[in-house]
Amino acid sequence: MDDSRKTLSDTVEQLGTLSHDLSNSLETILQAAYLLQEAKLEGTNKKWARMIEDAARDAAHTNREIRKILQNRSPVVNPQSPALADAKTDN
């Protein structure tokens, strides 16, 4: 593999790993937002909780789109890479 393909391969793998880590953080935020929605919040507190949940859902959607792009680049990368294997199962 030439240097440019190796560099691209390394970059795609690193981005896959970062995307996976971001997914984990977003899942925590979404779970906390759900629990806040289940609490007896009123007024602006309820509004803020909804905003957090909506923003986290938007970010999760964007992250899934990024993972799809990375998955399409995966022939350059080892298909057994944990980061890309996780991206292939993300729906």
N, C-alpha and C. Protein backbone atom coordinates (compact mmCIF):
# COMPACT_ATOMS: atom_id res chain seq x y z
N MET A 1 0.86 -1.17 0.00
CA MET A 1 0.00 0.00 0.00
C MET A 1 0.90 1.24 0.00
N ASP A 2 0.64 2.17 -0.90
CA ASP A 2 1.47 3.36 -0.94
C ASP A 2 1.14 4.27 0.24
N ASP A 3 2.01 5.25 0.44
CA ASP A 3 1.87 6.13 1.62
C ASP A 3 0.55 6.88 1.66
N SER A 4 0.07 7.37 0.50
CA SER A 4 -1.17 8.15 0.51
C SER A 4 -2.37 7.27 0.87
N ARG A 5 -2.40 6.02 0.37
CA ARG A 5 -3.50 5.12 0.74
C ARG A 5 -3.41 4.71 2.20
N LYS A 6 -2.20 4.52 2.70
CA LYS A 6 -2.02 4.17 4.11
C LYS A 6 -2.47 5.32 4.99
N THR A 7 -2.11 6.54 4.61
CA THR A 7 -2.53 7.71 5.38
C THR A 7 -4.06 7.84 5.36
N LEU A 8 -4.67 7.65 4.20
CA LEU A 8 -6.12 7.71 4.10
C LEU A 8 -6.75 6.60 4.94
N SER A 9 -6.18 5.42 4.86
CA SER A 9 -6.67 4.29 5.64
C SER A 9 -6.60 4.59 7.13
N ASP A 10 -5.48 5.13 7.57
CA ASP A 10 -5.32 5.48 8.99
C ASP A 10 -6.33 6.55 9.40
N THR A 11 -6.53 7.54 8.53
CA THR A 11 -7.47 8.63 8.83
C THR A 11 -8.89 8.10 8.94
N VAL A 12 -9.29 7.25 8.00
CA VAL A 12 -10.64 6.68 8.04
C VAL A 12 -10.82 5.86 9.31
N GLU A 13 -9.82 5.08 9.67
CA GLU A 13 -9.93 4.27 10.89
C GLU A 13 -10.02 5.15 12.14
N GLN A 14 -9.23 6.22 12.19
CA GLN A 14 -9.29 7.13 13.33
C GLN A 14 -10.65 7.82 13.41
N LEU A 15 -11.17 8.24 12.26
CA LEU A 15 -12.49 8.87 12.24
C LEU A 15 -13.57 7.89 12.68
N GLY A 16 -13.43 6.64 12.28
CA GLY A 16 -14.38 5.62 12.72
C GLY A 16 -14.36 5.45 14.22
N THR A 17 -13.17 5.45 14.79
CA THR A 17 -13.04 5.33 16.24
C THR A 17 -13.65 6.54 16.95
N LEU A 18 -13.37 7.74 16.44
CA LEU A 18 -13.94 8.95 17.03
C LEU A 18 -15.47 8.95 16.91
N SER A 19 -15.97 8.51 15.77
CA SER A 19 -17.42 8.45 15.56
C SER A 19 -18.06 7.49 16.55
N HIS A 20 -17.40 6.37 16.79
CA HIS A 20 -17.91 5.39 17.76
C HIS A 20 -17.94 6.02 19.16
N ASP A 21 -16.87 6.70 19.54
CA ASP A 21 -16.82 7.36 20.85
C ASP A 21 -17.90 8.44 20.97
N LEU A 22 -18.10 9.19 19.89
CA LEU A 22 -19.15 10.20 19.88
C LEU A 22 -20.52 9.55 20.06
N SER A 23 -20.73 8.42 19.41
CA SER A 23 -22.00 7.70 19.57
C SER A 23 -22.25 7.34 21.03
N ASN A 24 -21.21 6.89 21.70
CA ASN A 24 -21.35 6.53 23.12
C ASN A 24 -21.75 7.75 23.95
N SER A 25 -21.11 8.87 23.70
CA SER A 25 -21.44 10.09 24.45
C SER A 25 -22.86 10.56 24.15
N LEU A 26 -23.23 10.52 22.89
CA LEU A 26 -24.59 10.94 22.51
C LEU A 26 -25.64 10.03 23.13
N GLU A 27 -25.35 8.74 23.22
CA GLU A 27 -26.30 7.82 23.84
C GLU A 27 -26.53 8.19 25.31
N THR A 28 -25.47 8.56 26.00
CA THR A 28 -25.60 8.99 27.39
C THR A 28 -26.45 10.25 27.50
N ILE A 29 -26.22 11.20 26.61
CA ILE A 29 -27.00 12.44 26.61
C ILE A 29 -28.47 12.14 26.32
N LEU A 30 -28.72 11.27 25.34
CA LEU A 30 -30.11 10.92 25.01
C LEU A 30 -30.80 10.21 26.17
N GLN A 31 -30.09 9.34 26.85
CA GLN A 31 -30.69 8.66 28.00
C GLN A 31 -31.00 9.66 29.12
N ALA A 32 -30.08 10.57 29.38
CA ALA A 32 -30.32 11.58 30.41
C ALA A 32 -31.48 12.49 30.01
N ALA A 33 -31.55 12.86 28.73
CA ALA A 33 -32.65 13.71 28.26
C ALA A 33 -33.98 12.98 28.42
N TYR A 34 -33.99 11.70 28.12
CA TYR A 34 -35.22 10.91 28.29
C TYR A 34 -35.65 10.92 29.76
N LEU A 35 -34.71 10.70 30.65
CA LEU A 35 -35.03 10.68 32.08
C LEU A 35 -35.53 12.05 32.54
N LEU A 36 -34.95 13.11 31.99
CA LEU A 36 -35.44 14.46 32.33
C LEU A 36 -36.87 14.64 31.85
N GLN A 37 -37.18 14.13 30.66
CA GLN A 37 -38.55 14.24 30.13
C GLN A 37 -39.53 13.46 31.01
N GLU A 38 -39.07 12.39 31.63
CA GLU A 38 -39.93 11.59 32.51
C GLU A 38 -40.15 12.27 33.86
N ALA A 39 -39.27 13.19 34.22
CA ALA A 39 -39.41 13.92 35.48
C ALA A 39 -40.56 14.93 35.35
N LYS A 40 -40.98 15.41 36.45
CA LYS A 40 -42.08 16.37 36.47
C LYS A 40 -41.55 17.78 36.26
N LEU A 41 -41.03 18.04 35.07
CA LEU A 41 -40.52 19.36 34.76
C LEU A 41 -41.65 20.25 34.25
N GLU A 42 -41.50 21.53 34.49
CA GLU A 42 -42.50 22.49 34.02
C GLU A 42 -41.82 23.69 33.40
N GLY A 43 -42.57 24.38 32.57
CA GLY A 43 -42.12 25.64 32.01
C GLY A 43 -40.82 25.55 31.22
N THR A 44 -39.93 26.49 31.55
CA THR A 44 -38.68 26.57 30.78
C THR A 44 -37.79 25.35 31.01
N ASN A 45 -37.87 24.73 32.17
CA ASN A 45 -37.06 23.53 32.41
C ASN A 45 -37.43 22.42 31.43
N LYS A 46 -38.72 22.25 31.20
CA LYS A 46 -39.19 21.25 30.24
C LYS A 46 -38.70 21.62 28.83
N LYS A 47 -38.74 22.90 28.52
CA LYS A 47 -38.28 23.38 27.21
C LYS A 47 -36.79 23.07 27.02
N TRP A 48 -35.97 23.34 28.05
CA TRP A 48 -34.53 23.07 27.95
C TRP A 48 -34.27 21.57 27.79
N ALA A 49 -34.99 20.76 28.52
CA ALA A 49 -34.80 19.31 28.40
C ALA A 49 -35.13 18.84 26.99
N ARG A 50 -36.20 19.39 26.41
CA ARG A 50 -36.60 19.04 25.04
C ARG A 50 -35.52 19.49 24.05
N MET A 51 -34.98 20.68 24.26
CA MET A 51 -33.93 21.19 23.37
C MET A 51 -32.69 20.30 23.40
N ILE A 52 -32.32 19.84 24.59
CA ILE A 52 -31.17 18.94 24.73
C ILE A 52 -31.44 17.65 23.97
N GLU A 53 -32.61 17.08 24.16
CA GLU A 53 -32.95 15.83 23.49
C GLU A 53 -32.97 16.00 21.96
N ASP A 54 -33.59 17.07 21.49
CA ASP A 54 -33.65 17.31 20.04
C ASP A 54 -32.25 17.49 19.44
N ALA A 55 -31.41 18.27 20.12
CA ALA A 55 -30.05 18.50 19.62
C ALA A 55 -29.24 17.20 19.62
N ALA A 56 -29.40 16.39 20.65
CA ALA A 56 -28.68 15.12 20.71
C ALA A 56 -29.15 14.17 19.61
N ARG A 57 -30.46 14.16 19.34
CA ARG A 57 -30.97 13.33 18.24
C ARG A 57 -30.44 13.80 16.89
N ASP A 58 -30.39 15.11 16.69
CA ASP A 58 -29.83 15.66 15.45
C ASP A 58 -28.36 15.27 15.31
N ALA A 59 -27.61 15.39 16.40
CA ALA A 59 -26.19 15.03 16.37
C ALA A 59 -26.00 13.54 16.10
N ALA A 60 -26.86 12.70 16.69
CA ALA A 60 -26.78 11.26 16.45
C ALA A 60 -27.06 10.94 14.98
N HIS A 61 -28.03 11.64 14.40
CA HIS A 61 -28.34 11.44 12.97
C HIS A 61 -27.14 11.85 12.11
N THR A 62 -26.56 13.00 12.42
CA THR A 62 -25.37 13.45 11.67
C THR A 62 -24.23 12.46 11.82
N ASN A 63 -24.04 11.94 13.01
CA ASN A 63 -22.97 10.97 13.24
C ASN A 63 -23.22 9.69 12.44
N ARG A 64 -24.48 9.25 12.36
CA ARG A 64 -24.79 8.06 11.54
C ARG A 64 -24.45 8.31 10.08
N GLU A 65 -24.72 9.52 9.60
CA GLU A 65 -24.38 9.85 8.21
C GLU A 65 -22.87 9.82 8.00
N ILE A 66 -22.12 10.34 8.96
CA ILE A 66 -20.66 10.29 8.88
C ILE A 66 -20.19 8.84 8.84
N ARG A 67 -20.79 7.99 9.68
CA ARG A 67 -20.39 6.59 9.73
C ARG A 67 -20.70 5.87 8.42
N LYS A 68 -21.80 6.26 7.76
CA LYS A 68 -22.10 5.68 6.45
C LYS A 68 -21.03 6.04 5.44
N ILE A 69 -20.60 7.29 5.47
CA ILE A 69 -19.53 7.72 4.55
C ILE A 69 -18.26 6.92 4.84
N LEU A 70 -17.92 6.79 6.11
CA LEU A 70 -16.72 6.03 6.48
C LEU A 70 -16.85 4.57 6.07
N GLN A 71 -18.03 4.02 6.21
CA GLN A 71 -18.26 2.63 5.83
C GLN A 71 -18.03 2.45 4.33
N ASN A 72 -18.45 3.42 3.54
CA ASN A 72 -18.24 3.35 2.10
C ASN A 72 -16.76 3.45 1.74
N ARG A 73 -15.96 4.03 2.61
CA ARG A 73 -14.51 4.13 2.40
C ARG A 73 -13.79 2.89 2.94
N SER A 74 -14.50 2.00 3.61
CA SER A 74 -13.87 0.88 4.32
C SER A 74 -13.10 -0.11 3.46
N PRO A 75 -13.33 -0.24 2.13
CA PRO A 75 -12.47 -1.16 1.38
C PRO A 75 -10.99 -0.79 1.46
N VAL A 76 -10.70 0.48 1.75
CA VAL A 76 -9.32 0.92 1.90
C VAL A 76 -8.77 0.45 3.23
N VAL A 77 -9.67 0.27 4.19
CA VAL A 77 -9.31 -0.06 5.56
C VAL A 77 -9.58 -1.52 5.83
N ASN A 78 -8.90 -2.07 6.80
CA ASN A 78 -9.14 -3.43 7.23
C ASN A 78 -10.61 -3.58 7.63
N PRO A 79 -11.38 -4.44 6.94
CA PRO A 79 -12.81 -4.56 7.25
C PRO A 79 -13.07 -5.13 8.64
N GLN A 80 -12.06 -5.68 9.28
CA GLN A 80 -12.23 -6.22 10.63
C GLN A 80 -11.99 -5.17 11.71
N SER A 81 -11.70 -3.94 11.29
CA SER A 81 -11.47 -2.86 12.23
C SER A 81 -12.67 -2.71 13.15
N PRO A 82 -12.48 -2.70 14.48
CA PRO A 82 -13.62 -2.58 15.40
C PRO A 82 -14.46 -1.34 15.14
N ALA A 83 -13.83 -0.23 14.81
CA ALA A 83 -14.60 1.01 14.58
C ALA A 83 -15.49 0.87 13.37
N LEU A 84 -14.99 0.25 12.32
CA LEU A 84 -15.80 0.12 11.11
C LEU A 84 -16.80 -1.02 11.26
N ALA A 85 -16.46 -2.06 11.97
CA ALA A 85 -17.41 -3.14 12.20
C ALA A 85 -18.63 -2.60 12.95
N ASP A 86 -18.38 -1.71 13.92
CA ASP A 86 -19.48 -1.11 14.66
C ASP A 86 -20.32 -0.24 13.75
N ALA A 87 -19.66 0.50 12.85
CA ALA A 87 -20.39 1.38 11.93
C ALA A 87 -21.29 0.57 11.00
N LYS A 88 -20.87 -0.64 10.64
CA LYS A 88 -21.67 -1.47 9.74
C LYS A 88 -22.94 -1.96 10.40
N THR A 89 -22.94 -2.04 11.73
CA THR A 89 -24.13 -2.54 12.44
C THR A 89 -25.00 -1.43 12.95
N ASP A 90 -24.58 -0.17 12.81
CA ASP A 90 -25.34 0.96 13.31
C ASP A 90 -26.50 1.26 12.37
N ASN A 91 -27.73 1.19 12.86
CA ASN A 91 -28.91 1.49 12.04
C ASN A 91 -29.76 2.51 12.73
